[in-house]
PDB file of all heavy atoms in Angstrom:
ATOM      1  N   VAL A   1     -14.647  -3.576  -0.242  1.00  0.00           N
ATOM      2  CA  VAL A   1     -13.783  -2.441  -0.570  1.00  0.00           C
ATOM      3  C   VAL A   1     -14.213  -1.828  -1.906  1.00  0.00           C
ATOM      4  O   VAL A   1     -14.350  -0.606  -2.026  1.00  0.00           O
ATOM      5  CB  VAL A   1     -12.295  -2.866  -0.592  1.00  0.00           C
ATOM      6  CG1 VAL A   1     -11.416  -1.800  -1.221  1.00  0.00           C
ATOM      7  CG2 VAL A   1     -11.821  -3.198   0.816  1.00  0.00           C
ATOM      8  N   VAL A   2     -14.437  -2.666  -2.894  1.00  0.00           N
ATOM      9  CA  VAL A   2     -14.867  -2.178  -4.212  1.00  0.00           C
ATOM     10  C   VAL A   2     -16.194  -1.437  -4.094  1.00  0.00           C
ATOM     11  O   VAL A   2     -16.357  -0.332  -4.648  1.00  0.00           O
ATOM     12  CB  VAL A   2     -14.948  -3.345  -5.224  1.00  0.00           C
ATOM     13  CG1 VAL A   2     -15.634  -2.911  -6.510  1.00  0.00           C
ATOM     14  CG2 VAL A   2     -13.552  -3.898  -5.506  1.00  0.00           C
ATOM     15  N   LYS A   3     -17.131  -2.005  -3.364  1.00  0.00           N
ATOM     16  CA  LYS A   3     -18.440  -1.360  -3.178  1.00  0.00           C
ATOM     17  C   LYS A   3     -18.278  -0.002  -2.492  1.00  0.00           C
ATOM     18  O   LYS A   3     -18.902   0.984  -2.891  1.00  0.00           O
ATOM     19  CB  LYS A   3     -19.361  -2.267  -2.367  1.00  0.00           C
ATOM     20  CG  LYS A   3     -20.739  -1.702  -2.173  1.00  0.00           C
ATOM     21  CD  LYS A   3     -21.629  -2.662  -1.410  1.00  0.00           C
ATOM     22  CE  LYS A   3     -23.004  -2.033  -1.241  1.00  0.00           C
ATOM     23  NZ  LYS A   3     -23.883  -2.820  -0.395  1.00  0.00           N
ATOM     24  N   LYS A   4     -17.436   0.049  -1.465  1.00  0.00           N
ATOM     25  CA  LYS A   4     -17.204   1.302  -0.733  1.00  0.00           C
ATOM     26  C   LYS A   4     -16.645   2.366  -1.683  1.00  0.00           C
ATOM     27  O   LYS A   4     -17.079   3.519  -1.655  1.00  0.00           O
ATOM     28  CB  LYS A   4     -16.239   1.048   0.424  1.00  0.00           C
ATOM     29  CG  LYS A   4     -15.985   2.224   1.310  1.00  0.00           C
ATOM     30  CD  LYS A   4     -17.010   2.269   2.401  1.00  0.00           C
ATOM     31  CE  LYS A   4     -16.685   3.310   3.446  1.00  0.00           C
ATOM     32  NZ  LYS A   4     -17.676   3.318   4.493  1.00  0.00           N
ATOM     33  N   ILE A   5     -15.682   1.981  -2.514  1.00  0.00           N
ATOM     34  CA  ILE A   5     -15.088   2.910  -3.479  1.00  0.00           C
ATOM     35  C   ILE A   5     -16.152   3.388  -4.470  1.00  0.00           C
ATOM     36  O   ILE A   5     -16.283   4.589  -4.727  1.00  0.00           O
ATOM     37  CB  ILE A   5     -13.907   2.254  -4.220  1.00  0.00           C
ATOM     38  CG1 ILE A   5     -12.752   1.976  -3.254  1.00  0.00           C
ATOM     39  CG2 ILE A   5     -13.442   3.124  -5.389  1.00  0.00           C
ATOM     40  CD1 ILE A   5     -11.695   1.026  -3.806  1.00  0.00           C
ATOM     41  N   GLU A   6     -16.890   2.451  -5.030  1.00  0.00           N
ATOM     42  CA  GLU A   6     -17.898   2.790  -6.044  1.00  0.00           C
ATOM     43  C   GLU A   6     -18.973   3.722  -5.504  1.00  0.00           C
ATOM     44  O   GLU A   6     -19.466   4.595  -6.216  1.00  0.00           O
ATOM     45  CB  GLU A   6     -18.536   1.516  -6.593  1.00  0.00           C
ATOM     46  CG  GLU A   6     -17.603   0.707  -7.446  1.00  0.00           C
ATOM     47  CD  GLU A   6     -18.165  -0.644  -7.860  1.00  0.00           C
ATOM     48  OE1 GLU A   6     -19.177  -1.113  -7.284  1.00  0.00           O
ATOM     49  OE2 GLU A   6     -17.579  -1.249  -8.770  1.00  0.00           O
ATOM     50  N   GLU A   7     -19.360   3.546  -4.239  1.00  0.00           N
ATOM     51  CA  GLU A   7     -20.450   4.329  -3.656  1.00  0.00           C
ATOM     52  C   GLU A   7     -19.970   5.611  -2.978  1.00  0.00           C
ATOM     53  O   GLU A   7     -20.790   6.427  -2.558  1.00  0.00           O
ATOM     54  CB  GLU A   7     -21.233   3.468  -2.666  1.00  0.00           C
ATOM     55  CG  GLU A   7     -21.948   2.316  -3.342  1.00  0.00           C
ATOM     56  CD  GLU A   7     -22.686   1.412  -2.370  1.00  0.00           C
ATOM     57  OE1 GLU A   7     -22.562   1.590  -1.125  1.00  0.00           O
ATOM     58  OE2 GLU A   7     -23.389   0.502  -2.851  1.00  0.00           O
ATOM     59  N   PHE A   8     -18.673   5.800  -2.871  1.00  0.00           N
ATOM     60  CA  PHE A   8     -18.148   6.945  -2.140  1.00  0.00           C
ATOM     61  C   PHE A   8     -18.331   8.231  -2.932  1.00  0.00           C
ATOM     62  O   PHE A   8     -17.979   8.311  -4.106  1.00  0.00           O
ATOM     63  CB  PHE A   8     -16.667   6.741  -1.808  1.00  0.00           C
ATOM     64  CG  PHE A   8     -16.124   7.777  -0.875  1.00  0.00           C
ATOM     65  CD1 PHE A   8     -16.455   7.757   0.470  1.00  0.00           C
ATOM     66  CD2 PHE A   8     -15.304   8.791  -1.340  1.00  0.00           C
ATOM     67  CE1 PHE A   8     -15.969   8.725   1.336  1.00  0.00           C
ATOM     68  CE2 PHE A   8     -14.812   9.760  -0.490  1.00  0.00           C
ATOM     69  CZ  PHE A   8     -15.145   9.723   0.861  1.00  0.00           C
ATOM     70  N   ASP A   9     -18.857   9.242  -2.266  1.00  0.00           N
ATOM     71  CA  ASP A   9     -19.066  10.550  -2.880  1.00  0.00           C
ATOM     72  C   ASP A   9     -18.030  11.517  -2.307  1.00  0.00           C
ATOM     73  O   ASP A   9     -18.273  12.191  -1.319  1.00  0.00           O
ATOM     74  CB  ASP A   9     -20.485  11.041  -2.597  1.00  0.00           C
ATOM     75  CG  ASP A   9     -20.787  12.339  -3.327  1.00  0.00           C
ATOM     76  OD1 ASP A   9     -20.133  12.622  -4.349  1.00  0.00           O
ATOM     77  OD2 ASP A   9     -21.674  13.081  -2.855  1.00  0.00           O
ATOM     78  N   GLY A  10     -16.875  11.515  -2.907  1.00  0.00           N
ATOM     79  CA  GLY A  10     -15.787  12.364  -2.447  1.00  0.00           C
ATOM     80  C   GLY A  10     -14.524  11.986  -3.200  1.00  0.00           C
ATOM     81  O   GLY A  10     -14.576  11.357  -4.258  1.00  0.00           O
ATOM     82  N   THR A  11     -13.391  12.341  -2.629  1.00  0.00           N
ATOM     83  CA  THR A  11     -12.108  12.109  -3.264  1.00  0.00           C
ATOM     84  C   THR A  11     -11.497  10.797  -2.782  1.00  0.00           C
ATOM     85  O   THR A  11     -11.468  10.537  -1.573  1.00  0.00           O
ATOM     86  CB  THR A  11     -11.147  13.275  -2.955  1.00  0.00           C
ATOM     87  OG1 THR A  11     -11.747  14.488  -3.423  1.00  0.00           O
ATOM     88  CG2 THR A  11      -9.796  13.075  -3.623  1.00  0.00           C
ATOM     89  N   ILE A  12     -11.006  10.002  -3.730  1.00  0.00           N
ATOM     90  CA  ILE A  12     -10.361   8.723  -3.424  1.00  0.00           C
ATOM     91  C   ILE A  12      -8.846   8.906  -3.520  1.00  0.00           C
ATOM     92  O   ILE A  12      -8.332   9.383  -4.541  1.00  0.00           O
ATOM     93  CB  ILE A  12     -10.778   7.619  -4.432  1.00  0.00           C
ATOM     94  CG1 ILE A  12     -12.290   7.541  -4.586  1.00  0.00           C
ATOM     95  CG2 ILE A  12     -10.132   6.290  -4.061  1.00  0.00           C
ATOM     96  CD1 ILE A  12     -13.051   6.863  -3.524  1.00  0.00           C
ATOM     97  N   LEU A  13      -8.150   8.505  -2.473  1.00  0.00           N
ATOM     98  CA  LEU A  13      -6.692   8.461  -2.466  1.00  0.00           C
ATOM     99  C   LEU A  13      -6.294   7.028  -2.140  1.00  0.00           C
ATOM    100  O   LEU A  13      -6.956   6.384  -1.329  1.00  0.00           O
ATOM    101  CB  LEU A  13      -6.118   9.405  -1.407  1.00  0.00           C
ATOM    102  CG  LEU A  13      -6.597  10.858  -1.440  1.00  0.00           C
ATOM    103  CD1 LEU A  13      -6.001  11.635  -0.266  1.00  0.00           C
ATOM    104  CD2 LEU A  13      -6.230  11.520  -2.747  1.00  0.00           C
ATOM    105  N   TYR A  14      -5.235   6.531  -2.761  1.00  0.00           N
ATOM    106  CA  TYR A  14      -4.823   5.168  -2.440  1.00  0.00           C
ATOM    107  C   TYR A  14      -3.313   5.063  -2.364  1.00  0.00           C
ATOM    108  O   TYR A  14      -2.589   5.828  -2.989  1.00  0.00           O
ATOM    109  CB  TYR A  14      -5.399   4.157  -3.427  1.00  0.00           C
ATOM    110  CG  TYR A  14      -4.903   4.246  -4.845  1.00  0.00           C
ATOM    111  CD1 TYR A  14      -3.877   3.410  -5.289  1.00  0.00           C
ATOM    112  CD2 TYR A  14      -5.462   5.133  -5.761  1.00  0.00           C
ATOM    113  CE1 TYR A  14      -3.425   3.466  -6.606  1.00  0.00           C
ATOM    114  CE2 TYR A  14      -5.019   5.198  -7.061  1.00  0.00           C
ATOM    115  CZ  TYR A  14      -4.003   4.366  -7.485  1.00  0.00           C
ATOM    116  OH  TYR A  14      -3.553   4.424  -8.773  1.00  0.00           O
ATOM    117  N   THR A  15      -2.878   4.113  -1.540  1.00  0.00           N
ATOM    118  CA  THR A  15      -1.444   3.911  -1.351  1.00  0.00           C
ATOM    119  C   THR A  15      -1.009   2.579  -1.937  1.00  0.00           C
ATOM    120  O   THR A  15      -1.794   1.635  -2.031  1.00  0.00           O
ATOM    121  CB  THR A  15      -1.042   3.934   0.137  1.00  0.00           C
ATOM    122  OG1 THR A  15      -1.648   2.836   0.809  1.00  0.00           O
ATOM    123  CG2 THR A  15      -1.441   5.243   0.803  1.00  0.00           C
ATOM    124  N   LEU A  16       0.263   2.560  -2.311  1.00  0.00           N
ATOM    125  CA  LEU A  16       0.911   1.331  -2.742  1.00  0.00           C
ATOM    126  C   LEU A  16       2.170   1.152  -1.896  1.00  0.00           C
ATOM    127  O   LEU A  16       3.086   1.986  -1.944  1.00  0.00           O
ATOM    128  CB  LEU A  16       1.305   1.392  -4.214  1.00  0.00           C
ATOM    129  CG  LEU A  16       0.188   1.393  -5.243  1.00  0.00           C
ATOM    130  CD1 LEU A  16       0.761   1.543  -6.652  1.00  0.00           C
ATOM    131  CD2 LEU A  16      -0.653   0.137  -5.146  1.00  0.00           C
ATOM    132  N   ASP A  17       2.200   0.092  -1.110  1.00  0.00           N
ATOM    133  CA  ASP A  17       3.413  -0.285  -0.411  1.00  0.00           C
ATOM    134  C   ASP A  17       4.447  -0.562  -1.495  1.00  0.00           C
ATOM    135  O   ASP A  17       4.161  -1.297  -2.442  1.00  0.00           O
ATOM    136  CB  ASP A  17       3.137  -1.542   0.429  1.00  0.00           C
ATOM    137  CG  ASP A  17       4.225  -1.851   1.425  1.00  0.00           C
ATOM    138  OD1 ASP A  17       4.732  -0.909   2.062  1.00  0.00           O
ATOM    139  OD2 ASP A  17       4.550  -3.036   1.583  1.00  0.00           O
ATOM    140  N   THR A  18       5.616   0.053  -1.395  1.00  0.00           N
ATOM    141  CA  THR A  18       6.568   0.001  -2.500  1.00  0.00           C
ATOM    142  C   THR A  18       7.967  -0.300  -1.986  1.00  0.00           C
ATOM    143  O   THR A  18       8.542   0.493  -1.229  1.00  0.00           O
ATOM    144  CB  THR A  18       6.569   1.339  -3.265  1.00  0.00           C
ATOM    145  OG1 THR A  18       5.233   1.602  -3.722  1.00  0.00           O
ATOM    146  CG2 THR A  18       7.508   1.291  -4.451  1.00  0.00           C
ATOM    147  N   HIS A  19       8.480  -1.457  -2.395  1.00  0.00           N
ATOM    148  CA  HIS A  19       9.829  -1.865  -2.009  1.00  0.00           C
ATOM    149  C   HIS A  19      10.671  -2.103  -3.249  1.00  0.00           C
ATOM    150  O   HIS A  19      10.150  -2.269  -4.350  1.00  0.00           O
ATOM    151  CB  HIS A  19       9.776  -3.135  -1.148  1.00  0.00           C
ATOM    152  CG  HIS A  19       8.966  -2.951   0.092  1.00  0.00           C
ATOM    153  ND1 HIS A  19       9.343  -2.091   1.104  1.00  0.00           N
ATOM    154  CD2 HIS A  19       7.784  -3.497   0.491  1.00  0.00           C
ATOM    155  CE1 HIS A  19       8.436  -2.121   2.068  1.00  0.00           C
ATOM    156  NE2 HIS A  19       7.476  -2.958   1.712  1.00  0.00           N
ATOM    157  N   MET A  20      11.972  -2.144  -3.049  1.00  0.00           N
ATOM    158  CA  MET A  20      12.918  -2.399  -4.130  1.00  0.00           C
ATOM    159  C   MET A  20      13.497  -3.804  -3.955  1.00  0.00           C
ATOM    160  O   MET A  20      13.205  -4.497  -2.985  1.00  0.00           O
ATOM    161  CB  MET A  20      14.034  -1.344  -4.123  1.00  0.00           C
ATOM    162  CG  MET A  20      13.541   0.082  -4.272  1.00  0.00           C
ATOM    163  SD  MET A  20      12.579   0.304  -5.782  1.00  0.00           S
ATOM    164  CE  MET A  20      11.511   1.638  -5.334  1.00  0.00           C
ATOM    165  N   GLU A  21      14.326  -4.192  -4.895  1.00  0.00           N
ATOM    166  CA  GLU A  21      14.932  -5.532  -4.885  1.00  0.00           C
ATOM    167  C   GLU A  21      15.744  -5.798  -3.616  1.00  0.00           C
ATOM    168  O   GLU A  21      15.904  -6.943  -3.215  1.00  0.00           O
ATOM    169  CB  GLU A  21      15.811  -5.732  -6.117  1.00  0.00           C
ATOM    170  CG  GLU A  21      15.044  -5.717  -7.433  1.00  0.00           C
ATOM    171  CD  GLU A  21      14.115  -6.920  -7.623  1.00  0.00           C
ATOM    172  OE1 GLU A  21      14.355  -7.981  -7.004  1.00  0.00           O
ATOM    173  OE2 GLU A  21      13.150  -6.781  -8.385  1.00  0.00           O
ATOM    174  N   ASN A  22      16.246  -4.747  -2.980  1.00  0.00           N
ATOM    175  CA  ASN A  22      17.063  -4.918  -1.777  1.00  0.00           C
ATOM    176  C   ASN A  22      16.230  -5.012  -0.496  1.00  0.00           C
ATOM    177  O   ASN A  22      16.761  -4.853   0.608  1.00  0.00           O
ATOM    178  CB  ASN A  22      18.050  -3.751  -1.654  1.00  0.00           C
ATOM    179  CG  ASN A  22      17.352  -2.443  -1.312  1.00  0.00           C
ATOM    180  OD1 ASN A  22      16.171  -2.245  -1.592  1.00  0.00           O
ATOM    181  ND2 ASN A  22      18.106  -1.530  -0.719  1.00  0.00           N
ATOM    182  N   TYR A  23      14.948  -5.272  -0.608  1.00  0.00           N
ATOM    183  CA  TYR A  23      14.028  -5.265   0.535  1.00  0.00           C
ATOM    184  C   TYR A  23      14.575  -6.023   1.743  1.00  0.00           C
ATOM    185  O   TYR A  23      14.502  -5.538   2.876  1.00  0.00           O
ATOM    186  CB  TYR A  23      12.655  -5.830   0.126  1.00  0.00           C
ATOM    187  CG  TYR A  23      11.748  -6.039   1.312  1.00  0.00           C
ATOM    188  CD1 TYR A  23      11.143  -4.954   1.931  1.00  0.00           C
ATOM    189  CD2 TYR A  23      11.525  -7.303   1.845  1.00  0.00           C
ATOM    190  CE1 TYR A  23      10.333  -5.123   3.045  1.00  0.00           C
ATOM    191  CE2 TYR A  23      10.718  -7.483   2.952  1.00  0.00           C
ATOM    192  CZ  TYR A  23      10.120  -6.388   3.553  1.00  0.00           C
ATOM    193  OH  TYR A  23       9.325  -6.558   4.659  1.00  0.00           O
ATOM    194  N   LEU A  24      15.116  -7.210   1.541  1.00  0.00           N
ATOM    195  CA  LEU A  24      15.552  -8.041   2.670  1.00  0.00           C
ATOM    196  C   LEU A  24      16.705  -7.422   3.456  1.00  0.00           C
ATOM    197  O   LEU A  24      16.962  -7.812   4.603  1.00  0.00           O
ATOM    198  CB  LEU A  24      15.917  -9.443   2.194  1.00  0.00           C
ATOM    199  CG  LEU A  24      14.736 -10.289   1.694  1.00  0.00           C
ATOM    200  CD1 LEU A  24      15.230 -11.612   1.147  1.00  0.00           C
ATOM    201  CD2 LEU A  24      13.697 -10.503   2.794  1.00  0.00           C
ATOM    202  N   THR A  25      17.393  -6.435   2.890  1.00  0.00           N
ATOM    203  CA  THR A  25      18.488  -5.777   3.607  1.00  0.00           C
ATOM    204  C   THR A  25      18.017  -4.534   4.364  1.00  0.00           C
ATOM    205  O   THR A  25      18.797  -3.926   5.092  1.00  0.00           O
ATOM    206  CB  THR A  25      19.627  -5.370   2.642  1.00  0.00           C
ATOM    207  OG1 THR A  25      19.129  -4.368   1.751  1.00  0.00           O
ATOM    208  CG2 THR A  25      20.141  -6.566   1.856  1.00  0.00           C
ATOM    209  N   THR A  26      16.748  -4.157   4.216  1.00  0.00           N
ATOM    210  CA  THR A  26      16.212  -2.981   4.900  1.00  0.00           C
ATOM    211  C   THR A  26      15.785  -3.358   6.318  1.00  0.00           C
ATOM    212  O   THR A  26      15.638  -4.540   6.659  1.00  0.00           O
ATOM    213  CB  THR A  26      15.000  -2.400   4.147  1.00  0.00           C
ATOM    214  OG1 THR A  26      13.913  -3.345   4.205  1.00  0.00           O
ATOM    215  CG2 THR A  26      15.340  -2.078   2.690  1.00  0.00           C
ATOM    216  N   GLN A  27      15.568  -2.346   7.140  1.00  0.00           N
ATOM    217  CA  GLN A  27      15.090  -2.573   8.512  1.00  0.00           C
ATOM    218  C   GLN A  27      13.801  -3.392   8.501  1.00  0.00           C
ATOM    219  O   GLN A  27      13.668  -4.361   9.238  1.00  0.00           O
ATOM    220  CB  GLN A  27      14.863  -1.221   9.200  1.00  0.00           C
ATOM    221  CG  GLN A  27      14.395  -1.323  10.625  1.00  0.00           C
ATOM    222  CD  GLN A  27      15.496  -1.745  11.572  1.00  0.00           C
ATOM    223  OE1 GLN A  27      16.667  -1.505  11.318  1.00  0.00           O
ATOM    224  NE2 GLN A  27      15.139  -2.386  12.652  1.00  0.00           N
ATOM    225  N   GLU A  28      12.854  -3.009   7.662  1.00  0.00           N
ATOM    226  CA  GLU A  28      11.592  -3.755   7.583  1.00  0.00           C
ATOM    227  C   GLU A  28      11.842  -5.184   7.125  1.00  0.00           C
ATOM    228  O   GLU A  28      11.283  -6.131   7.680  1.00  0.00           O
ATOM    229  CB  GLU A  28      10.603  -3.074   6.635  1.00  0.00           C
ATOM    230  CG  GLU A  28       9.278  -3.812   6.543  1.00  0.00           C
ATOM    231  CD  GLU A  28       8.287  -3.205   5.572  1.00  0.00           C
ATOM    232  OE1 GLU A  28       8.291  -1.973   5.368  1.00  0.00           O
ATOM    233  OE2 GLU A  28       7.488  -3.985   5.012  1.00  0.00           O
ATOM    234  N   GLY A  29      12.673  -5.346   6.104  1.00  0.00           N
ATOM    235  CA  GLY A  29      12.959  -6.677   5.570  1.00  0.00           C
ATOM    236  C   GLY A  29      13.621  -7.595   6.579  1.00  0.00           C
ATOM    237  O   GLY A  29      13.394  -8.807   6.577  1.00  0.00           O
ATOM    238  N   LYS A  30      14.419  -7.036   7.450  1.00  0.00           N
ATOM    239  CA  LYS A  30      15.060  -7.839   8.499  1.00  0.00           C
ATOM    240  C   LYS A  30      14.046  -8.291   9.544  1.00  0.00           C
ATOM    241  O   LYS A  30      14.201  -9.352  10.140  1.00  0.00           O
ATOM    242  CB  LYS A  30      16.189  -7.045   9.155  1.00  0.00           C
ATOM    243  CG  LYS A  30      17.364  -6.840   8.209  1.00  0.00           C
ATOM    244  CD  LYS A  30      18.418  -5.941   8.810  1.00  0.00           C
ATOM    245  CE  LYS A  30      19.529  -5.687   7.795  1.00  0.00           C
ATOM    246  NZ  LYS A  30      20.494  -4.697   8.253  1.00  0.00           N
ATOM    247  N   ASN A  31      13.015  -7.475   9.760  1.00  0.00           N
ATOM    248  CA  ASN A  31      11.980  -7.823  10.736  1.00  0.00           C
ATOM    249  C   ASN A  31      10.818  -8.610  10.141  1.00  0.00           C
ATOM    250  O   ASN A  31      10.120  -9.311  10.856  1.00  0.00           O
ATOM    251  CB  ASN A  31      11.461  -6.547  11.410  1.00  0.00           C
ATOM    252  CG  ASN A  31      12.463  -5.973  12.368  1.00  0.00           C
ATOM    253  OD1 ASN A  31      12.759  -6.565  13.394  1.00  0.00           O
ATOM    254  ND2 ASN A  31      13.037  -4.834  12.013  1.00  0.00           N
ATOM    255  N   LEU A  32      10.605  -8.457   8.855  1.00  0.00           N
ATOM    256  CA  LEU A  32       9.563  -9.184   8.128  1.00  0.00           C
ATOM    257  C   LEU A  32      10.210  -9.737   6.859  1.00  0.00           C
ATOM    258  O   LEU A  32      10.097  -9.149   5.782  1.00  0.00           O
ATOM    259  CB  LEU A  32       8.389  -8.264   7.777  1.00  0.00           C
ATOM    260  CG  LEU A  32       7.244  -8.885   6.972  1.00  0.00           C
ATOM    261  CD1 LEU A  32       6.568 -10.013   7.730  1.00  0.00           C
ATOM    262  CD2 LEU A  32       6.231  -7.810   6.586  1.00  0.00           C
TER     263      LEU A  32
END
């Protein structure tokens, strides 16, 4: 992944999965 980023000739966009303290009460938290 690091090599791909370093060698990429273009625009880099990245995501961060982002949860709050109440994660376990969310739909996702109940399933995972």
